[in-house]
């Protein structure tokens, strides 16, 4: 009887340690790949938003300076070159 119990215990241990089904491994790999791609897309979108948010004030300042230069050039276009 002991031998049968030991054999049954050994078989149950072997069954628990068996390799997973190949389809399960492929499905898990595919799911992990999809999860990683989605995470990458989220991180990239966050990075782009962060860069845009940081660049916006600089872009606004550059546009203001260009407008001021354009206005100054328009005002000085009618004056003689020697006028100060």
PDB file of N, CA and C in Angstrom:
ATOM      1  N   UNK A   1       0.808  -1.191   0.000  1.00  0.00           N
ATOM      2  CA  UNK A   1       0.000   0.000   0.000  1.00  0.00           C
ATOM      3  C   UNK A   1       0.856   1.261   0.000  1.00  0.00           C
ATOM      4  N   UNK A   2       1.929   1.217   0.786  1.00  0.00           N
ATOM      5  CA  UNK A   2       2.825   2.364   0.832  1.00  0.00           C
ATOM      6  C   UNK A   2       3.444   2.635  -0.527  1.00  0.00           C
ATOM      7  N   UNK A   3       3.767   1.582  -1.212  1.00  0.00           N
ATOM      8  CA  UNK A   3       4.389   1.733  -2.532  1.00  0.00           C
ATOM      9  C   UNK A   3       3.413   2.399  -3.487  1.00  0.00           C
ATOM     10  N   UNK A   4       2.160   2.023  -3.437  1.00  0.00           N
ATOM     11  CA  UNK A   4       1.151   2.642  -4.297  1.00  0.00           C
ATOM     12  C   UNK A   4       0.979   4.127  -3.964  1.00  0.00           C
ATOM     13  N   UNK A   5       0.968   4.470  -2.692  1.00  0.00           N
ATOM     14  CA  UNK A   5       0.852   5.872  -2.299  1.00  0.00           C
ATOM     15  C   UNK A   5       2.074   6.667  -2.748  1.00  0.00           C
ATOM     16  N   UNK A   6       3.249   6.085  -2.606  1.00  0.00           N
ATOM     17  CA  UNK A   6       4.473   6.759  -3.026  1.00  0.00           C
ATOM     18  C   UNK A   6       4.476   6.948  -4.541  1.00  0.00           C
ATOM     19  N   UNK A   7       4.025   5.936  -5.265  1.00  0.00           N
ATOM     20  CA  UNK A   7       3.965   6.033  -6.724  1.00  0.00           C
ATOM     21  C   UNK A   7       2.953   7.094  -7.145  1.00  0.00           C
ATOM     22  N   UNK A   8       1.818   7.146  -6.472  1.00  0.00           N
ATOM     23  CA  UNK A   8       0.800   8.145  -6.794  1.00  0.00           C
ATOM     24  C   UNK A   8       1.328   9.548  -6.497  1.00  0.00           C
ATOM     25  N   UNK A   9       2.033   9.714  -5.387  1.00  0.00           N
ATOM     26  CA  UNK A   9       2.608  11.015  -5.049  1.00  0.00           C
ATOM     27  C   UNK A   9       3.660  11.412  -6.073  1.00  0.00           C
ATOM     28  N   UNK A  10       4.483  10.479  -6.500  1.00  0.00           N
ATOM     29  CA  UNK A  10       5.515  10.764  -7.494  1.00  0.00           C
ATOM     30  C   UNK A  10       4.885  11.151  -8.834  1.00  0.00           C
ATOM     31  N   UNK A  11       3.836  10.461  -9.223  1.00  0.00           N
ATOM     32  CA  UNK A  11       3.154  10.792 -10.471  1.00  0.00           C
ATOM     33  C   UNK A  11       2.504  12.173 -10.406  1.00  0.00           C
ATOM     34  N   UNK A  12       1.936  12.519  -9.286  1.00  0.00           N
ATOM     35  CA  UNK A  12       1.305  13.838  -9.174  1.00  0.00           C
ATOM     36  C   UNK A  12       2.364  14.937  -9.200  1.00  0.00           C
ATOM     37  N   UNK A  13       3.522  14.684  -8.609  1.00  0.00           N
ATOM     38  CA  UNK A  13       4.621  15.654  -8.680  1.00  0.00           C
ATOM     39  C   UNK A  13       5.119  15.803 -10.110  1.00  0.00           C
ATOM     40  N   UNK A  14       5.251  14.709 -10.809  1.00  0.00           N
ATOM     41  CA  UNK A  14       5.690  14.774 -12.210  1.00  0.00           C
ATOM     42  C   UNK A  14       4.679  15.519 -13.064  1.00  0.00           C
ATOM     43  N   UNK A  15       3.420  15.313 -12.829  1.00  0.00           N
ATOM     44  CA  UNK A  15       2.377  15.998 -13.601  1.00  0.00           C
ATOM     45  C   UNK A  15       2.428  17.500 -13.336  1.00  0.00           C
ATOM     46  N   UNK A  16       2.720  17.883 -12.108  1.00  0.00           N
ATOM     47  CA  UNK A  16       2.795  19.304 -11.776  1.00  0.00           C
ATOM     48  C   UNK A  16       4.018  19.962 -12.392  1.00  0.00           C
ATOM     49  N   UNK A  17       5.075  19.205 -12.622  1.00  0.00           N
ATOM     50  CA  UNK A  17       6.318  19.753 -13.158  1.00  0.00           C
ATOM     51  C   UNK A  17       6.422  19.633 -14.673  1.00  0.00           C
ATOM     52  N   UNK A  18       5.418  19.111 -15.329  1.00  0.00           N
ATOM     53  CA  UNK A  18       5.514  18.914 -16.775  1.00  0.00           C
ATOM     54  C   UNK A  18       5.555  20.253 -17.500  1.00  0.00           C
ATOM     55  N   UNK A  19       6.120  20.233 -18.684  1.00  0.00           N
ATOM     56  CA  UNK A  19       6.227  21.447 -19.500  1.00  0.00           C
ATOM     57  C   UNK A  19       4.833  21.928 -19.896  1.00  0.00           C
ATOM     58  N   UNK A  20       4.648  23.257 -19.975  1.00  0.00           N
ATOM     59  CA  UNK A  20       3.345  23.779 -20.402  1.00  0.00           C
ATOM     60  C   UNK A  20       3.098  23.478 -21.873  1.00  0.00           C
ATOM     61  N   UNK A  21       1.862  23.518 -22.235  1.00  0.00           N
ATOM     62  CA  UNK A  21       1.479  23.270 -23.616  1.00  0.00           C
ATOM     63  C   UNK A  21       2.124  24.318 -24.524  1.00  0.00           C
ATOM     64  N   UNK A  22       2.600  23.945 -25.712  1.00  0.00           N
ATOM     65  CA  UNK A  22       3.198  24.928 -26.621  1.00  0.00           C
ATOM     66  C   UNK A  22       2.243  26.051 -26.988  1.00  0.00           C
ATOM     67  N   UNK A  23       0.958  25.733 -27.143  1.00  0.00           N
ATOM     68  CA  UNK A  23      -0.006  26.784 -27.483  1.00  0.00           C
ATOM     69  C   UNK A  23      -0.121  27.811 -26.361  1.00  0.00           C
ATOM     70  N   UNK A  24      -0.063  27.334 -25.122  1.00  0.00           N
ATOM     71  CA  UNK A  24      -0.145  28.251 -23.989  1.00  0.00           C
ATOM     72  C   UNK A  24       1.059  29.180 -23.960  1.00  0.00           C
ATOM     73  N   UNK A  25       2.228  28.645 -24.261  1.00  0.00           N
ATOM     74  CA  UNK A  25       3.440  29.468 -24.288  1.00  0.00           C
ATOM     75  C   UNK A  25       3.322  30.508 -25.395  1.00  0.00           C
ATOM     76  N   UNK A  26       2.847  30.090 -26.563  1.00  0.00           N
ATOM     77  CA  UNK A  26       2.696  31.024 -27.675  1.00  0.00           C
ATOM     78  C   UNK A  26       1.643  32.089 -27.365  1.00  0.00           C
ATOM     79  N   UNK A  27       0.564  31.690 -26.751  1.00  0.00           N
ATOM     80  CA  UNK A  27      -0.482  32.652 -26.405  1.00  0.00           C
ATOM     81  C   UNK A  27       0.023  33.643 -25.374  1.00  0.00           C
ATOM     82  N   UNK A  28       0.754  33.153 -24.374  1.00  0.00           N
ATOM     83  CA  UNK A  28       1.309  34.066 -23.365  1.00  0.00           C
ATOM     84  C   UNK A  28       2.323  35.013 -24.000  1.00  0.00           C
ATOM     85  N   UNK A  29       3.137  34.497 -24.912  1.00  0.00           N
ATOM     86  CA  UNK A  29       4.120  35.347 -25.585  1.00  0.00           C
ATOM     87  C   UNK A  29       3.424  36.409 -26.437  1.00  0.00           C
ATOM     88  N   UNK A  30       2.371  36.018 -27.124  1.00  0.00           N
ATOM     89  CA  UNK A  30       1.624  36.978 -27.941  1.00  0.00           C
ATOM     90  C   UNK A  30       0.970  38.039 -27.061  1.00  0.00           C
ATOM     91  N   UNK A  31       0.392  37.624 -25.943  1.00  0.00           N
ATOM     92  CA  UNK A  31      -0.227  38.581 -25.020  1.00  0.00           C
ATOM     93  C   UNK A  31       0.815  39.523 -24.428  1.00  0.00           C
ATOM     94  N   UNK A  32       1.974  38.978 -24.070  1.00  0.00           N
ATOM     95  CA  UNK A  32       3.046  39.818 -23.526  1.00  0.00           C
ATOM     96  C   UNK A  32       3.522  40.812 -24.565  1.00  0.00           C
ATOM     97  N   UNK A  33       3.605  40.375 -25.815  1.00  0.00           N
ATOM     98  CA  UNK A  33       4.028  41.269 -26.896  1.00  0.00           C
ATOM     99  C   UNK A  33       3.032  42.408 -27.089  1.00  0.00           C
ATOM    100  N   UNK A  34       1.756  42.085 -27.052  1.00  0.00           N
ATOM    101  CA  UNK A  34       0.709  43.111 -27.190  1.00  0.00           C
ATOM    102  C   UNK A  34       0.768  44.086 -26.017  1.00  0.00           C
ATOM    103  N   UNK A  35       0.934  43.540 -24.804  1.00  0.00           N
ATOM    104  CA  UNK A  35       1.026  44.407 -23.620  1.00  0.00           C
ATOM    105  C   UNK A  35       2.222  45.348 -23.715  1.00  0.00           C
ATOM    106  N   UNK A  36       3.354  44.827 -24.154  1.00  0.00           N
ATOM    107  CA  UNK A  36       4.555  45.661 -24.278  1.00  0.00           C
ATOM    108  C   UNK A  36       4.379  46.742 -25.341  1.00  0.00           C
ATOM    109  N   UNK A  37       3.743  46.380 -26.453  1.00  0.00           N
ATOM    110  CA  UNK A  37       3.512  47.374 -27.508  1.00  0.00           C
ATOM    111  C   UNK A  37       2.580  48.481 -27.017  1.00  0.00           C
ATOM    112  N   UNK A  38       1.539  48.118 -26.289  1.00  0.00           N
ATOM    113  CA  UNK A  38       0.618  49.119 -25.745  1.00  0.00           C
ATOM    114  C   UNK A  38       1.326  50.011 -24.731  1.00  0.00           C
ATOM    115  N   UNK A  39       2.164  49.426 -23.907  1.00  0.00           N
ATOM    116  CA  UNK A  39       2.920  50.212 -22.923  1.00  0.00           C
ATOM    117  C   UNK A  39       3.872  51.173 -23.637  1.00  0.00           C
ATOM    118  N   UNK A  40       4.548  50.684 -24.678  1.00  0.00           N
ATOM    119  CA  UNK A  40       5.441  51.534 -25.457  1.00  0.00           C
ATOM    120  C   UNK A  40       4.667  52.712 -26.055  1.00  0.00           C
ATOM    121  N   UNK A  41       3.499  52.454 -26.618  1.00  0.00           N
ATOM    122  CA  UNK A  41       2.695  53.522 -27.218  1.00  0.00           C
ATOM    123  C   UNK A  41       2.277  54.553 -26.175  1.00  0.00           C
ATOM    124  N   UNK A  42       1.900  54.095 -24.970  1.00  0.00           N
ATOM    125  CA  UNK A  42       1.529  55.032 -23.902  1.00  0.00           C
ATOM    126  C   UNK A  42       2.717  55.886 -23.479  1.00  0.00           C
ATOM    127  N   UNK A  43       3.875  55.266 -23.314  1.00  0.00           N
ATOM    128  CA  UNK A  43       5.069  56.002 -22.893  1.00  0.00           C
ATOM    129  C   UNK A  43       5.470  57.005 -23.961  1.00  0.00           C
ATOM    130  N   UNK A  44       5.415  56.611 -25.220  1.00  0.00           N
ATOM    131  CA  UNK A  44       5.779  57.521 -26.301  1.00  0.00           C
ATOM    132  C   UNK A  44       4.801  58.698 -26.371  1.00  0.00           C
ATOM    133  N   UNK A  45       3.518  58.447 -26.213  1.00  0.00           N
ATOM    134  CA  UNK A  45       2.533  59.536 -26.235  1.00  0.00           C
ATOM    135  C   UNK A  45       2.772  60.500 -25.076  1.00  0.00           C
ATOM    136  N   UNK A  46       3.084  59.958 -23.896  1.00  0.00           N
ATOM    137  CA  UNK A  46       3.373  60.818 -22.751  1.00  0.00           C
ATOM    138  C   UNK A  46       4.616  61.664 -23.005  1.00  0.00           C
ATOM    139  N   UNK A  47       5.636  61.064 -23.610  1.00  0.00           N
ATOM    140  CA  UNK A  47       6.870  61.798 -23.900  1.00  0.00           C
ATOM    141  C   UNK A  47       6.616  62.906 -24.914  1.00  0.00           C
ATOM    142  N   UNK A  48       5.832  62.611 -25.945  1.00  0.00           N
ATOM    143  CA  UNK A  48       5.523  63.632 -26.952  1.00  0.00           C
ATOM    144  C   UNK A  48       4.725  64.774 -26.339  1.00  0.00           C
ATOM    145  N   UNK A  49       3.775  64.448 -25.475  1.00  0.00           N
ATOM    146  CA  UNK A  49       2.991  65.490 -24.812  1.00  0.00           C
ATOM    147  C   UNK A  49       3.872  66.345 -23.919  1.00  0.00           C
ATOM    148  N   UNK A  50       4.814  65.710 -23.228  1.00  0.00           N
ATOM    149  CA  UNK A  50       5.715  66.438 -22.341  1.00  0.00           C
ATOM    150  C   UNK A  50       6.604  67.380 -23.142  1.00  0.00           C
ATOM    151  N   UNK A  51       7.132  66.908 -24.259  1.00  0.00           N
ATOM    152  CA  UNK A  51       7.982  67.748 -25.106  1.00  0.00           C
ATOM    153  C   UNK A  51       7.179  68.912 -25.672  1.00  0.00           C
ATOM    154  N   UNK A  52       5.970  68.637 -26.137  1.00  0.00           N
ATOM    155  CA  UNK A  52       5.120  69.705 -26.677  1.00  0.00           C
ATOM    156  C   UNK A  52       4.818  70.755 -25.607  1.00  0.00           C
ATOM    157  N   UNK A  53       4.543  70.295 -24.399  1.00  0.00           N
ATOM    158  CA  UNK A  53       4.232  71.226 -23.310  1.00  0.00           C
ATOM    159  C   UNK A  53       5.443  72.090 -22.955  1.00  0.00           C
ATOM    160  N   UNK A  54       6.628  71.500 -23.020  1.00  0.00           N
ATOM    161  CA  UNK A  54       7.829  72.259 -22.704  1.00  0.00           C
ATOM    162  C   UNK A  54       8.209  73.209 -23.831  1.00  0.00           C
ATOM    163  N   UNK A  55       7.927  72.848 -25.058  1.00  0.00           N
ATOM    164  CA  UNK A  55       8.305  73.669 -26.206  1.00  0.00           C
ATOM    165  C   UNK A  55       7.323  74.804 -26.462  1.00  0.00           C
ATOM    166  N   UNK A  56       6.104  74.696 -26.019  1.00  0.00           N
ATOM    167  CA  UNK A  56       5.077  75.699 -26.310  1.00  0.00           C
ATOM    168  C   UNK A  56       5.469  77.103 -25.859  1.00  0.00           C
ATOM    169  N   UNK A  57       5.963  77.308 -24.632  1.00  0.00           N
ATOM    170  CA  UNK A  57       6.342  78.673 -24.244  1.00  0.00           C
ATOM    171  C   UNK A  57       7.477  79.246 -25.097  1.00  0.00           C
ATOM    172  N   UNK A  58       8.423  78.408 -25.461  1.00  0.00           N
ATOM    173  CA  UNK A  58       9.536  78.863 -26.303  1.00  0.00           C
ATOM    174  C   UNK A  58       9.026  79.226 -27.693  1.00  0.00           C
ATOM    175  N   UNK A  59       8.128  78.429 -28.230  1.00  0.00           N
ATOM    176  CA  UNK A  59       7.538  78.731 -29.539  1.00  0.00           C
ATOM    177  C   UNK A  59       6.768  80.050 -29.496  1.00  0.00           C
ATOM    178  N   UNK A  60       6.017  80.253 -28.428  1.00  0.00           N
ATOM    179  CA  UNK A  60       5.254  81.500 -28.287  1.00  0.00           C
ATOM    180  C   UNK A  60       6.181  82.707 -28.201  1.00  0.00           C
ATOM    181  N   UNK A  61       7.256  82.585 -27.451  1.00  0.00           N
ATOM    182  CA  UNK A  61       8.211  83.690 -27.323  1.00  0.00           C
ATOM    183  C   UNK A  61       8.896  83.977 -28.656  1.00  0.00           C
ATOM    184  N   UNK A  62       9.259  82.935 -29.385  1.00  0.00           N
ATOM    185  CA  UNK A  62       9.883  83.124 -30.689  1.00  0.00           C
ATOM    186  C   UNK A  62       8.928  83.818 -31.652  1.00  0.00           C
ATOM    187  N   UNK A  63       7.664  83.420 -31.634  1.00  0.00           N
ATOM    188  CA  UNK A  63       6.676  84.060 -32.511  1.00  0.00           C
ATOM    189  C   UNK A  63       6.497  85.537 -32.149  1.00  0.00           C
ATOM    190  N   UNK A  64       6.474  85.842 -30.865  1.00  0.00           N
ATOM    191  CA  UNK A  64       6.354  87.237 -30.420  1.00  0.00           C
ATOM    192  C   UNK A  64       7.545  88.060 -30.892  1.00  0.00           C
ATOM    193  N   UNK A  65       8.743  87.524 -30.755  1.00  0.00           N
ATOM    194  CA  UNK A  65       9.946  88.233 -31.202  1.00  0.00           C
ATOM    195  C   UNK A  65       9.936  88.453 -32.710  1.00  0.00           C
ATOM    196  N   UNK A  66       9.517  87.464 -33.460  1.00  0.00           N
ATOM    197  CA  UNK A  66       9.429  87.627 -34.916  1.00  0.00           C
ATOM    198  C   UNK A  66       8.430  88.712 -35.287  1.00  0.00           C
ATOM    199  N   UNK A  67       7.303  88.738 -34.594  1.00  0.00           N
ATOM    200  CA  UNK A  67       6.301  89.787 -34.855  1.00  0.00           C
ATOM    201  C   UNK A  67       6.872  91.165 -34.530  1.00  0.00           C
ATOM    202  N   UNK A  68       7.613  91.270 -33.434  1.00  0.00           N
ATOM    203  CA  UNK A  68       8.221  92.547 -33.065  1.00  0.00           C
ATOM    204  C   UNK A  68       9.263  92.979 -34.094  1.00  0.00           C
ATOM    205  N   UNK A  69      10.056  92.011 -34.559  1.00  0.00           N
ATOM    206  CA  UNK A  69      11.055  92.335 -35.584  1.00  0.00           C
ATOM    207  C   UNK A  69      10.385  92.770 -36.878  1.00  0.00           C
ATOM    208  N   UNK A  70       9.308  92.116 -37.248  1.00  0.00           N
ATOM    209  CA  UNK A  70       8.576  92.488 -38.451  1.00  0.00           C
ATOM    210  C   UNK A  70       7.989  93.881 -38.334  1.00  0.00           C
ATOM    211  N   UNK A  71       7.454  94.194 -37.165  1.00  0.00           N
ATOM    212  CA  UNK A  71       6.889  95.530 -36.953  1.00  0.00           C
ATOM    213  C   UNK A  71       7.984  96.582 -36.977  1.00  0.00           C
ATOM    214  N   UNK A  72       9.125  96.298 -36.371  1.00  0.00           N
ATOM    215  CA  UNK A  72      10.237  97.247 -36.356  1.00  0.00           C
ATOM    216  C   UNK A  72      10.780  97.456 -37.761  1.00  0.00           C
ATOM    217  N   UNK A  73      10.856  96.400 -38.548  1.00  0.00           N
ATOM    218  CA  UNK A  73      11.345  96.512 -39.921  1.00  0.00           C
ATOM    219  C   UNK A  73      10.373  97.329 -40.754  1.00  0.00           C
ATOM    220  N   UNK A  74       9.096  97.143 -40.540  1.00  0.00           N
ATOM    221  CA  UNK A  74       8.088  97.900 -41.291  1.00  0.00           C
ATOM    222  C   UNK A  74       8.153  99.379 -40.923  1.00  0.00           C
ATOM    223  N   UNK A  75       8.388  99.690 -39.663  1.00  0.00           N
ATOM    224  CA  UNK A  75       8.477 101.087 -39.218  1.00  0.00           C
ATOM    225  C   UNK A  75       9.724 101.771 -39.753  1.00  0.00           C
ATOM    226  N   UNK A  76      10.823 101.031 -39.834  1.00  0.00           N
ATOM    227  CA  UNK A  76      12.070 101.648 -40.285  1.00  0.00           C
ATOM    228  C   UNK A  76      12.213 101.652 -41.807  1.00  0.00           C
ATOM    229  N   UNK A  77      11.339 100.990 -42.514  1.00  0.00           N
ATOM    230  CA  UNK A  77      11.444 100.922 -43.979  1.00  0.00           C
ATOM    231  C   UNK A  77      11.209 102.277 -44.613  1.00  0.00           C
ATOM    232  N   UNK A  78      10.402 103.108 -44.029  1.00  0.00           N
ATOM    233  CA  UNK A  78      10.097 104.410 -44.592  1.00  0.00           C
ATOM    234  C   UNK A  78      11.088 105.489 -44.193  1.00  0.00           C
ATOM    235  N   UNK A  79      11.975 105.225 -43.234  1.00  0.00           N
ATOM    236  CA  UNK A  79      12.923 106.225 -42.757  1.00  0.00           C
ATOM    237  C   UNK A  79      14.226 106.166 -43.534  1.00  0.00           C
ATOM    238  N   UNK A  80      14.970 107.275 -43.616  1.00  0.00           N
ATOM    239  CA  UNK A  80      16.276 107.251 -44.273  1.00  0.00           C
ATOM    240  C   UNK A  80      17.236 106.357 -43.519  1.00  0.00           C
ATOM    241  N   UNK A  81      18.236 105.881 -44.224  1.00  0.00           N
ATOM    242  CA  UNK A  81      19.193 104.955 -43.634  1.00  0.00           C
ATOM    243  C   UNK A  81      20.013 105.593 -42.542  1.00  0.00           C
ATOM    244  N   UNK A  82      20.239 106.901 -42.576  1.00  0.00           N
ATOM    245  CA  UNK A  82      21.068 107.579 -41.581  1.00  0.00           C
ATOM    246  C   UNK A  82      20.292 107.935 -40.325  1.00  0.00           C
ATOM    247  N   UNK A  83      19.008 107.897 -40.344  1.00  0.00           N
ATOM    248  CA  UNK A  83      18.192 108.318 -39.197  1.00  0.00           C
ATOM    249  C   UNK A  83      18.376 107.353 -38.040  1.00  0.00           C
ATOM    250  N   UNK A  84      18.478 107.977 -36.857  1.00  0.00           N
ATOM    251  CA  UNK A  84      18.638 107.140 -35.675  1.00  0.00           C
ATOM    252  C   UNK A  84      17.599 107.443 -34.649  1.00  0.00           C
TER     253      UNK A  84
END
